[in-house]
N, C-alpha and C. Protein backbone atom coordinates (compact mmCIF):
# COMPACT_ATOMS: atom_id res chain seq x y z
N MET A 1 124.57 74.19 101.22
CA MET A 1 123.87 75.17 101.58
C MET A 1 122.51 75.66 100.27
N LEU A 2 121.60 75.90 100.41
CA LEU A 2 120.56 76.02 99.80
C LEU A 2 120.59 77.82 99.33
N ASN A 3 119.96 77.45 97.89
CA ASN A 3 120.18 79.09 97.17
C ASN A 3 118.86 79.73 97.48
N ASP A 4 118.38 80.90 97.16
CA ASP A 4 117.38 81.72 97.25
C ASP A 4 116.00 81.33 96.48
N GLY A 5 115.21 80.72 96.61
CA GLY A 5 114.02 80.10 96.04
C GLY A 5 114.18 78.32 95.84
N ASP A 6 115.25 78.16 96.32
CA ASP A 6 115.22 76.65 95.99
C ASP A 6 114.27 76.30 97.61
N LYS A 7 113.52 75.29 97.14
CA LYS A 7 112.50 74.82 97.97
C LYS A 7 111.86 75.74 98.82
N GLY A 8 112.06 77.04 98.16
CA GLY A 8 110.68 78.20 98.10
C GLY A 8 111.36 78.74 99.45
N VAL A 9 113.16 78.67 99.49
CA VAL A 9 113.62 79.38 100.70
C VAL A 9 114.12 80.99 100.55
N VAL A 10 114.23 81.49 101.63
CA VAL A 10 115.15 82.71 101.36
C VAL A 10 116.29 82.73 102.22
N ILE A 11 117.62 82.76 102.15
CA ILE A 11 118.45 82.95 102.85
C ILE A 11 118.44 83.90 103.86
N GLN A 12 118.97 83.60 105.19
CA GLN A 12 118.74 84.79 106.44
C GLN A 12 119.99 85.52 106.21
N ARG A 13 119.93 86.62 106.98
CA ARG A 13 121.20 87.34 107.39
C ARG A 13 122.74 87.20 107.71
N ASP A 14 121.83 85.78 108.48
CA ASP A 14 123.30 84.81 109.38
C ASP A 14 124.11 84.23 108.16
N ARG A 15 123.14 83.75 106.87
CA ARG A 15 124.00 83.14 106.19
C ARG A 15 123.91 81.10 106.57
N GLN A 16 123.16 81.20 107.53
CA GLN A 16 122.89 79.69 108.14
C GLN A 16 121.37 79.27 107.88
N THR A 17 120.38 80.25 108.21
CA THR A 17 118.94 79.65 108.78
C THR A 17 118.27 80.32 106.92
N TYR A 18 116.88 79.87 107.05
CA TYR A 18 116.12 80.35 106.17
C TYR A 18 114.72 81.08 106.47
N GLY A 19 114.45 81.41 105.36
CA GLY A 19 112.63 81.84 105.82
C GLY A 19 111.94 81.48 104.36
N ILE A 20 111.09 81.22 104.86
CA ILE A 20 109.70 81.25 103.79
C ILE A 20 108.59 81.66 104.19
N ALA A 21 107.66 81.61 102.67
CA ALA A 21 106.40 82.31 103.07
C ALA A 21 105.35 81.52 102.41
N PRO A 22 105.07 80.57 102.96
CA PRO A 22 103.57 80.02 102.24
C PRO A 22 102.70 80.93 101.38
N HIS A 23 101.94 80.37 100.59
CA HIS A 23 101.26 81.34 99.85
C HIS A 23 99.71 81.39 99.99
N VAL A 24 99.80 82.76 100.60
CA VAL A 24 98.10 83.01 100.88
C VAL A 24 97.19 84.11 100.30
N PRO A 25 96.69 83.51 99.15
CA PRO A 25 96.15 84.43 98.27
C PRO A 25 95.49 85.24 98.71
N CYS A 26 95.50 86.64 98.36
CA CYS A 26 95.16 87.86 98.68
C CYS A 26 95.40 88.21 100.47
N GLY A 27 96.39 87.48 100.92
CA GLY A 27 96.02 87.72 102.50
C GLY A 27 94.99 87.23 103.42
N VAL A 28 94.22 86.19 102.54
CA VAL A 28 93.22 85.78 103.17
C VAL A 28 93.37 84.09 104.17
N VAL A 29 93.18 83.79 105.11
CA VAL A 29 93.65 82.83 105.81
C VAL A 29 92.54 82.23 106.50
N THR A 30 92.13 80.89 106.97
CA THR A 30 91.49 80.68 107.88
C THR A 30 91.70 80.44 109.21
N PRO A 31 91.15 79.91 110.42
CA PRO A 31 91.93 79.84 111.81
C PRO A 31 92.58 78.52 111.69
N ALA A 32 91.84 77.40 110.82
CA ALA A 32 92.60 76.82 110.75
C ALA A 32 94.03 76.71 110.19
N VAL A 33 93.95 77.04 108.84
CA VAL A 33 95.82 77.81 108.42
C VAL A 33 96.33 77.86 108.97
N LEU A 34 95.66 79.23 110.25
CA LEU A 34 96.61 79.97 111.34
C LEU A 34 97.22 79.01 112.22
N ARG A 35 96.50 78.26 112.69
CA ARG A 35 96.97 77.04 113.91
C ARG A 35 97.52 76.51 113.27
N LYS A 36 98.06 75.63 112.26
CA LYS A 36 99.00 75.05 112.01
C LYS A 36 100.02 75.36 111.35
N ILE A 37 99.97 76.96 111.45
CA ILE A 37 101.30 77.80 111.33
C ILE A 37 102.22 77.61 112.01
N ALA A 38 100.70 78.30 113.32
CA ALA A 38 101.37 78.66 114.63
C ALA A 38 101.76 76.81 115.41
N ASP A 39 101.17 75.81 115.04
CA ASP A 39 101.65 74.54 115.65
C ASP A 39 103.06 74.37 115.15
N VAL A 40 103.36 74.57 113.67
CA VAL A 40 104.19 74.02 112.76
C VAL A 40 105.57 75.16 113.53
N ALA A 41 105.58 76.63 113.85
CA ALA A 41 106.20 77.14 114.43
C ALA A 41 106.89 76.41 115.87
N GLU A 42 105.95 76.17 116.71
CA GLU A 42 106.42 75.89 118.29
C GLU A 42 107.03 74.77 118.09
N ARG A 43 106.26 73.83 117.05
CA ARG A 43 107.37 72.35 117.13
C ARG A 43 108.44 72.56 116.38
N TYR A 44 108.92 73.07 115.37
CA TYR A 44 109.93 73.26 115.08
C TYR A 44 110.92 74.38 115.67
N SER A 45 110.50 74.95 117.03
CA SER A 45 111.01 75.90 117.58
C SER A 45 111.54 76.99 116.71
N ILE A 46 110.52 77.99 115.34
CA ILE A 46 110.80 78.59 114.54
C ILE A 46 110.95 79.86 115.51
N PRO A 47 112.29 81.23 115.19
CA PRO A 47 112.27 82.06 116.15
C PRO A 47 111.49 83.24 115.85
N MET A 48 110.49 83.27 114.61
CA MET A 48 109.92 84.42 114.57
C MET A 48 108.88 84.38 113.37
N LEU A 49 107.84 84.76 113.54
CA LEU A 49 106.57 84.83 112.28
C LEU A 49 106.72 86.48 111.84
N LYS A 50 106.58 87.21 110.63
CA LYS A 50 106.51 88.06 110.48
C LYS A 50 105.17 88.53 109.29
N ILE A 51 104.14 88.96 109.60
CA ILE A 51 103.16 89.35 108.61
C ILE A 51 104.08 90.59 107.33
N THR A 52 104.35 89.81 106.09
CA THR A 52 104.85 90.65 105.06
C THR A 52 103.85 91.56 104.26
N SER A 53 104.69 92.70 104.09
CA SER A 53 103.93 93.80 103.07
C SER A 53 103.24 92.81 101.52
N ALA A 54 103.45 92.17 101.32
CA ALA A 54 102.58 91.54 100.75
C ALA A 54 101.76 90.59 100.96
N ALA A 55 101.26 90.72 102.68
CA ALA A 55 100.31 90.01 103.30
C ALA A 55 100.78 88.50 102.91
N ARG A 56 101.29 87.94 103.23
CA ARG A 56 102.18 86.45 103.73
C ARG A 56 102.54 86.37 104.80
N ILE A 57 102.30 85.00 105.49
CA ILE A 57 103.14 85.49 106.98
C ILE A 57 104.39 84.57 106.63
N ALA A 58 105.27 84.96 107.10
CA ALA A 58 106.92 84.80 106.66
C ALA A 58 107.39 83.85 107.89
N LEU A 59 108.22 82.45 107.83
CA LEU A 59 108.54 81.73 109.02
C LEU A 59 109.97 82.09 108.74
N LEU A 60 110.78 82.30 110.17
CA LEU A 60 112.02 82.96 109.86
C LEU A 60 112.93 82.67 110.74
N GLY A 61 114.17 82.18 110.31
CA GLY A 61 115.11 81.46 111.08
C GLY A 61 114.93 79.87 111.34
N ILE A 62 114.89 79.16 109.85
CA ILE A 62 114.48 78.10 109.60
C ILE A 62 115.84 76.97 109.43
N ARG A 63 115.98 76.15 110.21
CA ARG A 63 117.53 75.14 110.19
C ARG A 63 117.18 74.64 109.14
N GLU A 64 118.31 74.11 107.90
CA GLU A 64 118.33 73.41 106.54
C GLU A 64 117.63 72.26 106.80
N GLU A 65 118.17 71.41 107.76
CA GLU A 65 117.37 70.18 108.31
C GLU A 65 116.04 69.86 108.67
N ASP A 66 115.15 71.20 108.58
CA ASP A 66 114.18 71.08 108.85
C ASP A 66 113.05 71.70 107.85
N VAL A 67 113.52 72.58 106.64
CA VAL A 67 112.86 72.84 105.75
C VAL A 67 111.82 71.76 104.96
N ASP A 68 112.48 70.55 104.39
CA ASP A 68 111.66 69.58 103.94
C ASP A 68 110.33 69.75 104.99
N ALA A 69 110.33 68.86 106.17
CA ALA A 69 109.77 68.44 107.24
C ALA A 69 108.78 69.70 107.55
N ILE A 70 109.41 70.94 107.45
CA ILE A 70 107.93 72.11 107.69
C ILE A 70 107.25 72.29 106.31
N TRP A 71 107.78 72.12 105.47
CA TRP A 71 106.75 72.03 103.99
C TRP A 71 105.66 71.13 104.38
N ASN A 72 106.18 69.84 104.18
CA ASN A 72 105.16 68.59 104.30
C ASN A 72 104.14 69.05 105.27
N GLU A 73 104.45 69.43 106.61
CA GLU A 73 103.49 69.59 107.69
C GLU A 73 102.51 71.00 107.24
N LEU A 74 102.92 71.60 106.54
CA LEU A 74 102.19 73.09 106.38
C LEU A 74 101.19 72.49 105.04
N GLU A 75 101.42 71.80 104.16
CA GLU A 75 100.70 71.54 103.18
C GLU A 75 100.02 72.68 102.67
N MET A 76 101.28 73.52 102.09
CA MET A 76 100.75 74.78 101.11
C MET A 76 101.74 74.97 100.69
N ASP A 77 101.35 75.77 99.60
CA ASP A 77 102.28 75.92 98.51
C ASP A 77 103.25 77.49 98.65
N PRO A 78 104.42 77.61 98.30
CA PRO A 78 105.21 78.25 98.49
C PRO A 78 105.01 79.65 97.78
N GLY A 79 104.77 80.86 98.47
CA GLY A 79 104.95 82.39 98.01
C GLY A 79 105.61 82.35 96.76
N ASN A 80 105.86 83.27 96.07
CA ASN A 80 106.91 83.73 94.86
C ASN A 80 107.56 84.52 95.58
N VAL A 81 108.39 84.67 96.56
CA VAL A 81 108.91 86.27 96.87
C VAL A 81 110.59 86.29 96.11
N VAL A 82 110.98 85.32 95.53
CA VAL A 82 112.12 85.63 94.34
C VAL A 82 111.93 85.36 93.31
N GLY A 83 112.63 85.89 92.56
CA GLY A 83 112.44 85.49 90.97
C GLY A 83 111.89 85.92 89.96
N ILE A 84 111.95 85.75 88.63
CA ILE A 84 111.21 86.70 87.47
C ILE A 84 109.82 86.26 87.09
N CYS A 85 108.81 86.47 88.32
CA CYS A 85 107.73 85.97 88.07
C CYS A 85 106.68 86.91 88.65
N VAL A 86 105.30 86.54 88.61
CA VAL A 86 104.33 87.50 89.02
C VAL A 86 104.22 86.96 90.90
N ARG A 87 104.43 87.93 91.42
CA ARG A 87 104.54 87.77 92.62
C ARG A 87 103.08 87.56 93.76
N SER A 88 102.77 87.42 94.49
CA SER A 88 101.68 87.61 94.99
C SER A 88 100.45 88.98 94.94
N ILE A 89 99.55 88.40 94.62
CA ILE A 89 98.48 89.95 94.58
C ILE A 89 98.45 90.32 95.39
N LYS A 90 98.40 91.88 95.78
CA LYS A 90 97.75 92.45 96.87
C LYS A 90 96.53 93.30 96.75
N ALA A 91 95.54 92.85 97.66
CA ALA A 91 94.33 93.23 97.23
C ALA A 91 93.80 93.67 98.81
N CYS A 92 92.84 94.94 98.90
CA CYS A 92 92.10 95.34 100.10
C CYS A 92 90.51 94.57 99.96
N PRO A 93 89.99 94.80 101.27
CA PRO A 93 88.71 93.91 101.08
C PRO A 93 87.91 94.46 100.32
N GLY A 94 87.95 95.62 99.69
CA GLY A 94 87.04 95.96 98.93
C GLY A 94 85.55 95.99 99.38
N THR A 95 84.80 95.81 97.90
CA THR A 95 83.14 95.73 98.62
C THR A 95 82.63 94.90 99.35
N THR A 96 83.40 93.86 100.01
CA THR A 96 83.49 92.38 100.49
C THR A 96 83.07 92.86 102.02
N TYR A 97 83.63 93.99 102.15
CA TYR A 97 83.39 94.21 103.66
C TYR A 97 83.76 96.01 103.85
N CYS A 98 84.71 96.94 103.18
CA CYS A 98 84.69 97.96 103.64
C CYS A 98 83.75 98.67 102.98
N LYS A 99 83.43 100.06 104.19
CA LYS A 99 81.95 101.07 103.68
C LYS A 99 82.87 101.97 102.46
N ARG A 100 83.99 101.77 102.35
CA ARG A 100 84.60 103.22 101.18
C ARG A 100 84.52 102.18 99.53
N GLY A 101 84.50 100.75 99.76
CA GLY A 101 84.86 100.02 98.41
C GLY A 101 83.84 100.36 97.58
N GLN A 102 84.27 100.61 96.45
CA GLN A 102 83.43 100.85 94.99
C GLN A 102 83.33 99.70 93.98
N GLN A 103 84.35 98.96 94.12
CA GLN A 103 84.56 97.94 93.59
C GLN A 103 84.33 96.64 93.83
N ASP A 104 84.73 95.10 93.48
CA ASP A 104 85.17 94.29 94.43
C ASP A 104 86.37 93.80 94.38
N SER A 105 86.99 94.83 95.07
CA SER A 105 89.15 94.57 94.59
C SER A 105 89.34 93.14 95.63
N LEU A 106 88.88 92.39 96.38
CA LEU A 106 88.97 90.93 96.79
C LEU A 106 88.68 90.04 95.73
N GLY A 107 87.49 90.28 95.33
CA GLY A 107 87.12 88.84 93.96
C GLY A 107 87.91 88.67 92.98
N LEU A 108 88.32 90.55 91.99
CA LEU A 108 89.27 90.47 91.39
C LEU A 108 90.26 90.23 91.76
N GLY A 109 91.10 90.70 92.62
CA GLY A 109 92.64 89.87 92.88
C GLY A 109 92.54 88.27 93.42
N MET A 110 91.55 87.81 93.82
CA MET A 110 91.63 86.08 93.80
C MET A 110 91.57 86.08 92.40
N ILE A 111 90.61 86.18 91.60
CA ILE A 111 90.80 85.85 90.10
C ILE A 111 92.40 86.34 89.57
N LEU A 112 93.08 86.85 89.86
CA LEU A 112 94.51 87.46 89.35
C LEU A 112 95.24 86.70 89.91
N ASP A 113 94.83 86.52 91.16
CA ASP A 113 96.27 85.40 91.92
C ASP A 113 95.97 84.14 91.29
N ASP A 114 94.95 83.57 91.23
CA ASP A 114 94.99 82.37 90.44
C ASP A 114 95.58 82.53 88.70
N LYS A 115 94.94 82.97 88.42
CA LYS A 115 95.48 83.32 87.00
C LYS A 115 97.05 83.17 87.18
N TYR A 116 97.86 84.13 87.83
CA TYR A 116 98.88 84.76 87.25
C TYR A 116 100.18 84.26 88.50
N HIS A 117 99.79 84.23 89.40
CA HIS A 117 100.73 84.49 90.60
C HIS A 117 101.89 82.94 90.17
N GLY A 118 102.83 83.36 89.71
CA GLY A 118 103.92 82.76 89.85
C GLY A 118 104.20 82.44 88.21
N LEU A 119 103.91 83.03 87.55
CA LEU A 119 103.75 83.22 85.77
C LEU A 119 105.14 83.64 85.42
N GLU A 120 105.85 83.42 84.85
CA GLU A 120 107.37 83.33 84.75
C GLU A 120 106.91 84.55 83.75
N LEU A 121 107.66 85.88 83.73
CA LEU A 121 108.13 86.55 83.11
C LEU A 121 109.53 87.33 82.47
N PRO A 122 109.50 88.34 81.64
CA PRO A 122 110.98 88.96 81.59
C PRO A 122 111.56 89.56 83.28
N GLY A 123 110.56 89.89 83.46
CA GLY A 123 111.40 90.62 85.11
C GLY A 123 109.97 89.97 85.89
N LYS A 124 110.53 90.73 87.08
CA LYS A 124 109.32 90.71 88.11
C LYS A 124 108.04 91.56 87.97
N MET A 125 107.33 90.72 88.39
CA MET A 125 106.09 91.89 88.03
C MET A 125 105.28 91.57 89.81
N LYS A 126 104.81 92.95 89.99
CA LYS A 126 104.07 92.91 91.18
C LYS A 126 102.81 93.45 90.90
N ILE A 127 101.47 93.15 91.35
CA ILE A 127 100.04 93.49 90.79
C ILE A 127 99.37 94.11 92.66
N GLY A 128 98.42 94.63 92.54
CA GLY A 128 97.79 95.48 93.75
C GLY A 128 96.41 96.02 92.85
N VAL A 129 95.24 95.69 93.79
CA VAL A 129 94.18 96.01 93.38
C VAL A 129 93.44 96.68 94.75
N SER A 130 92.84 97.59 94.70
CA SER A 130 92.66 98.15 95.64
C SER A 130 90.76 98.80 95.11
N GLY A 131 89.70 98.87 96.06
CA GLY A 131 88.20 99.14 95.89
C GLY A 131 88.21 100.28 95.59
N CYS A 132 88.92 101.29 96.29
CA CYS A 132 88.77 102.55 95.89
C CYS A 132 89.84 103.44 95.77
N PRO A 133 89.48 104.60 95.34
CA PRO A 133 90.71 105.82 95.48
C PRO A 133 91.64 105.93 96.33
N ASN A 134 91.25 105.50 97.82
CA ASN A 134 92.24 105.57 98.49
C ASN A 134 93.65 104.53 98.40
N GLN A 135 93.19 103.57 97.59
CA GLN A 135 94.42 103.10 97.32
C GLN A 135 95.05 101.76 98.72
N CYS A 136 94.41 101.21 99.01
CA CYS A 136 95.20 100.68 100.44
C CYS A 136 95.52 99.71 99.58
N GLY A 137 95.67 99.06 98.63
CA GLY A 137 96.28 98.29 97.92
C GLY A 137 97.68 98.36 97.30
N GLU A 138 97.95 99.92 97.17
CA GLU A 138 99.42 100.41 97.28
C GLU A 138 99.55 100.37 95.55
N THR A 139 98.59 100.38 94.96
CA THR A 139 98.47 100.21 93.62
C THR A 139 99.16 101.15 92.73
N SER A 140 99.15 102.30 92.64
CA SER A 140 100.34 103.43 92.42
C SER A 140 101.34 102.86 91.92
N PHE A 141 102.06 102.09 92.99
CA PHE A 141 103.55 101.68 93.45
C PHE A 141 103.70 99.94 92.43
N LYS A 142 102.71 99.49 91.89
CA LYS A 142 102.68 98.13 91.39
C LYS A 142 103.44 98.15 89.69
N ASP A 143 103.72 97.24 89.58
CA ASP A 143 103.63 97.04 87.88
C ASP A 143 102.58 97.62 87.43
N ILE A 144 101.45 96.72 87.70
CA ILE A 144 100.07 97.03 87.31
C ILE A 144 99.36 97.10 88.53
N GLY A 145 98.23 98.41 88.56
CA GLY A 145 97.74 98.48 89.33
C GLY A 145 96.07 98.62 89.07
N LEU A 146 94.94 98.09 89.60
CA LEU A 146 93.68 98.06 89.41
C LEU A 146 93.26 99.19 90.72
N VAL A 147 92.99 100.21 90.35
CA VAL A 147 91.60 101.05 91.46
C VAL A 147 90.01 101.00 91.09
N GLY A 148 89.74 100.84 92.23
CA GLY A 148 88.00 100.97 91.98
C GLY A 148 87.67 102.32 92.07
N THR A 149 86.49 102.46 91.21
CA THR A 149 85.97 103.95 91.45
C THR A 149 84.34 103.58 91.24
N ALA A 150 83.78 104.68 91.02
CA ALA A 150 82.08 104.10 91.48
C ALA A 150 81.91 104.07 89.61
N LYS A 151 82.59 104.55 88.76
CA LYS A 151 82.32 104.01 87.07
C LYS A 151 82.96 102.70 86.72
N GLY A 152 83.85 101.87 87.34
CA GLY A 152 84.11 101.44 86.91
C GLY A 152 86.07 100.85 87.52
N TRP A 153 86.89 100.58 87.07
CA TRP A 153 88.51 100.26 87.41
C TRP A 153 89.14 101.36 86.21
N ARG A 154 90.01 101.73 87.03
CA ARG A 154 91.32 102.46 86.53
C ARG A 154 92.47 101.62 86.51
N VAL A 155 93.01 101.45 85.58
CA VAL A 155 94.00 100.80 85.44
C VAL A 155 95.55 101.47 85.65
N TYR A 156 96.47 101.26 86.38
CA TYR A 156 97.90 101.90 86.12
C TYR A 156 99.11 101.09 85.75
N VAL A 157 100.06 101.55 85.02
CA VAL A 157 100.97 100.55 84.53
C VAL A 157 102.39 100.98 84.70
N GLY A 158 103.39 100.51 85.12
CA GLY A 158 104.64 100.72 85.44
C GLY A 158 104.64 101.44 86.74
N GLY A 159 104.55 101.40 87.51
CA GLY A 159 104.82 101.96 89.40
C GLY A 159 105.90 100.67 89.81
N ASN A 160 106.56 101.43 90.63
CA ASN A 160 107.07 100.43 91.66
C ASN A 160 108.34 100.84 92.52
N GLY A 161 108.42 100.20 94.00
CA GLY A 161 109.49 101.11 94.76
C GLY A 161 110.83 101.14 94.43
N GLY A 162 111.59 100.54 95.37
CA GLY A 162 112.88 100.32 95.17
C GLY A 162 113.66 101.97 95.43
N THR A 163 114.85 101.37 94.57
CA THR A 163 116.27 102.72 95.15
C THR A 163 115.54 103.83 93.99
N SER A 164 114.57 103.22 93.17
CA SER A 164 114.36 104.50 91.93
C SER A 164 112.83 104.37 92.03
N PRO A 165 112.03 104.64 93.06
CA PRO A 165 110.54 104.44 92.87
C PRO A 165 109.94 105.42 91.76
N ARG A 166 109.01 104.80 91.79
CA ARG A 166 108.10 105.48 90.27
C ARG A 166 106.78 105.45 90.34
N ILE A 167 106.17 106.32 90.07
CA ILE A 167 104.59 106.44 90.52
C ILE A 167 104.00 105.83 89.34
N GLY A 168 103.02 105.21 88.85
CA GLY A 168 102.36 104.19 87.96
C GLY A 168 101.32 105.32 87.02
N GLU A 169 101.29 105.15 85.67
CA GLU A 169 100.47 106.06 84.72
C GLU A 169 99.17 105.15 84.42
N ILE A 170 98.59 106.36 84.37
CA ILE A 170 96.94 105.76 84.05
C ILE A 170 96.94 105.33 82.50
N LEU A 171 96.47 103.90 82.10
CA LEU A 171 96.55 103.54 81.19
C LEU A 171 95.38 103.00 80.39
N ALA A 172 94.00 103.07 81.31
CA ALA A 172 92.48 102.76 81.37
C ALA A 172 91.66 103.37 82.11
N GLN A 173 90.73 103.55 82.15
CA GLN A 173 90.27 104.05 82.71
C GLN A 173 88.24 103.71 82.34
N ARG A 174 87.38 103.63 83.72
CA ARG A 174 86.18 103.68 83.58
C ARG A 174 85.83 102.09 82.52
N ILE A 175 86.28 100.81 83.56
CA ILE A 175 86.20 99.69 82.46
C ILE A 175 85.71 98.79 83.58
N ASP A 176 84.67 97.79 82.88
CA ASP A 176 84.53 96.96 83.77
C ASP A 176 85.17 95.70 84.38
N THR A 177 84.96 94.70 85.30
CA THR A 177 85.71 93.94 85.34
C THR A 177 86.36 93.18 84.22
N ASP A 178 85.12 92.61 83.55
CA ASP A 178 85.32 91.94 82.33
C ASP A 178 86.66 92.19 81.34
N ALA A 179 86.58 93.60 81.38
CA ALA A 179 87.53 94.46 80.33
C ALA A 179 88.61 94.69 81.24
N ALA A 180 88.68 94.73 82.40
CA ALA A 180 89.90 94.40 83.30
C ALA A 180 90.84 93.28 82.97
N LEU A 181 90.10 92.37 83.24
CA LEU A 181 90.31 91.23 82.70
C LEU A 181 91.27 90.61 81.55
N GLN A 182 90.55 90.95 80.62
CA GLN A 182 91.20 91.04 79.13
C GLN A 182 92.03 91.91 78.62
N LEU A 183 92.29 92.96 79.81
CA LEU A 183 93.35 94.12 79.05
C LEU A 183 94.40 93.57 79.91
N LEU A 184 94.70 92.92 81.10
CA LEU A 184 95.60 92.73 82.19
C LEU A 184 96.38 91.51 81.08
N ASP A 185 95.42 90.79 80.72
CA ASP A 185 95.89 89.52 79.55
C ASP A 185 97.04 90.40 78.79
N ARG A 186 96.20 91.15 77.86
CA ARG A 186 97.31 91.97 77.10
C ARG A 186 98.49 92.65 77.24
N ILE A 187 98.18 92.89 78.21
CA ILE A 187 99.88 94.05 79.00
C ILE A 187 100.62 92.98 79.10
N LEU A 188 100.24 92.23 79.80
CA LEU A 188 100.94 90.98 79.58
C LEU A 188 101.54 90.18 78.60
N GLU A 189 100.82 90.17 77.68
CA GLU A 189 101.54 89.80 76.45
C GLU A 189 102.91 90.39 75.86
N TYR A 190 102.13 91.71 76.08
CA TYR A 190 102.71 93.27 75.37
C TYR A 190 104.32 93.19 76.52
N TYR A 191 103.88 93.14 77.08
CA TYR A 191 105.24 92.82 78.29
C TYR A 191 106.41 92.05 78.22
N ARG A 192 105.53 90.61 78.09
CA ARG A 192 106.61 89.49 77.98
C ARG A 192 107.45 89.68 76.20
N ALA A 193 106.63 90.24 75.51
CA ALA A 193 107.36 90.39 74.29
C ALA A 193 107.82 91.56 73.71
N ASN A 194 107.95 92.56 74.75
CA ASN A 194 108.87 93.76 74.77
C ASN A 194 110.11 94.43 75.45
N ALA A 195 109.90 93.39 76.73
CA ALA A 195 110.67 93.82 77.65
C ALA A 195 111.90 93.18 77.64
N LYS A 196 113.23 93.70 77.98
CA LYS A 196 114.30 93.26 78.36
C LYS A 196 114.54 92.15 79.41
N PRO A 197 115.32 91.34 79.41
CA PRO A 197 115.80 90.46 80.46
C PRO A 197 115.56 91.39 82.12
N LYS A 198 114.99 91.09 83.11
CA LYS A 198 114.63 91.85 84.60
C LYS A 198 114.07 93.05 84.11
N GLU A 199 114.14 93.34 83.18
CA GLU A 199 113.17 95.00 83.08
C GLU A 199 111.94 95.18 83.65
N ARG A 200 111.96 95.97 84.51
CA ARG A 200 110.65 95.76 85.49
C ARG A 200 109.33 96.92 84.07
N MET A 201 108.41 96.62 84.10
CA MET A 201 107.49 97.21 83.92
C MET A 201 107.56 98.54 83.50
N GLY A 202 107.86 99.56 84.70
CA GLY A 202 108.25 100.72 83.95
C GLY A 202 109.30 101.61 83.46
N ARG A 203 110.84 100.36 83.54
CA ARG A 203 111.61 100.51 82.62
C ARG A 203 111.40 100.67 81.23
N MET A 204 110.45 99.53 81.17
CA MET A 204 110.12 99.38 79.66
C MET A 204 109.62 100.55 79.18
N ILE A 205 108.83 100.79 79.76
CA ILE A 205 107.53 102.24 79.39
C ILE A 205 108.16 103.60 79.47
N GLU A 206 109.46 103.60 80.12
CA GLU A 206 110.27 104.46 79.90
C GLU A 206 111.33 104.59 78.45
N ARG A 207 111.70 103.40 78.55
CA ARG A 207 112.30 103.07 77.19
C ARG A 207 111.64 102.91 75.82
N LEU A 208 110.49 102.76 75.81
CA LEU A 208 109.33 102.79 74.75
C LEU A 208 108.58 103.61 74.57
N GLY A 209 107.95 104.41 75.84
CA GLY A 209 107.07 105.07 75.41
C GLY A 209 105.74 104.94 75.89
N LEU A 210 104.96 105.47 76.77
CA LEU A 210 103.68 104.98 76.84
C LEU A 210 102.41 104.68 75.91
N GLU A 211 103.17 105.98 74.92
CA GLU A 211 102.08 105.42 73.41
C GLU A 211 102.18 104.52 72.92
N HIS A 212 103.23 104.13 72.85
CA HIS A 212 103.96 102.51 72.41
C HIS A 212 102.87 101.52 72.94
N LEU A 213 102.98 101.41 74.09
CA LEU A 213 102.20 100.61 74.33
C LEU A 213 100.77 100.67 74.53
N GLU A 214 100.15 102.01 74.22
CA GLU A 214 98.53 102.27 74.30
C GLU A 214 98.52 102.11 72.59
N GLU A 215 99.53 102.10 71.98
CA GLU A 215 98.95 101.92 70.34
C GLU A 215 99.30 101.03 70.17
N ALA A 216 100.21 99.67 71.20
CA ALA A 216 100.15 97.93 70.87
C ALA A 216 98.68 97.18 71.56
N LEU A 217 97.75 98.01 72.28
CA LEU A 217 97.12 97.78 72.99
C LEU A 217 95.58 98.24 72.05
N GLY A 218 95.48 98.91 71.07
CA GLY A 218 94.57 99.72 70.36
C GLY A 218 93.50 100.73 71.62
N LEU A 219 94.56 101.30 72.37
CA LEU A 219 93.86 102.44 73.26
C LEU A 219 94.33 103.85 72.81
N GLY A 220 92.97 104.72 72.97
CA GLY A 220 93.25 106.12 72.62
C GLY A 220 93.66 106.99 73.92
N SER A 221 94.09 108.24 73.58
CA SER A 221 94.28 108.41 74.95
C SER A 221 93.71 108.95 76.02
N ASP A 222 92.62 109.03 75.53
CA ASP A 222 91.22 109.38 76.45
C ASP A 222 90.61 108.20 76.79
N ALA A 223 91.77 106.81 76.94
CA ALA A 223 90.95 105.58 77.40
C ALA A 223 90.79 105.56 78.74
């Protein structure tokens, strides 16, 4: 029997079948990808396709003996749905299409996905990018969230869902895209150096204090 994470699978409730979720950067797909997923699902009698909250397409109820063949036919990388690493980046359409977008959240999300998806860290890491303060990328509930405003990016840290949900705290505001990318590099370096094993960003901040993070990054209280 495969374990969660082996060959990109997650064991299902029946303890006999598996689910996979191919990596779909920021949820953007092409007709060709959708056709390939549909063809594979029909060929292997996969009982359910589910669009996940992380904007992936999960294939559920797969027989163990079919896992390798399905991945070979999909020709897609697994999405990191388990493990202590950066999960898929969640991003809204932003200025690419949305009339309310104030910053290019999809463009930034693609950069972040390319840089960080699957990066191993002390604990799991979820990152969201929203093009405006409506936060369709659910950014306040992410370990790191970026929100577009008319004056640049607002950066939140320490949000999470789960059994003890937490709203992220504002770390920086009114910064441009290059500054936001540099700041995220420094946040991840700080997290790698200071977090305990399997400790989420928010719990680390509660333990050390937001001020500790601000001082380490050279940010003032009015950042």
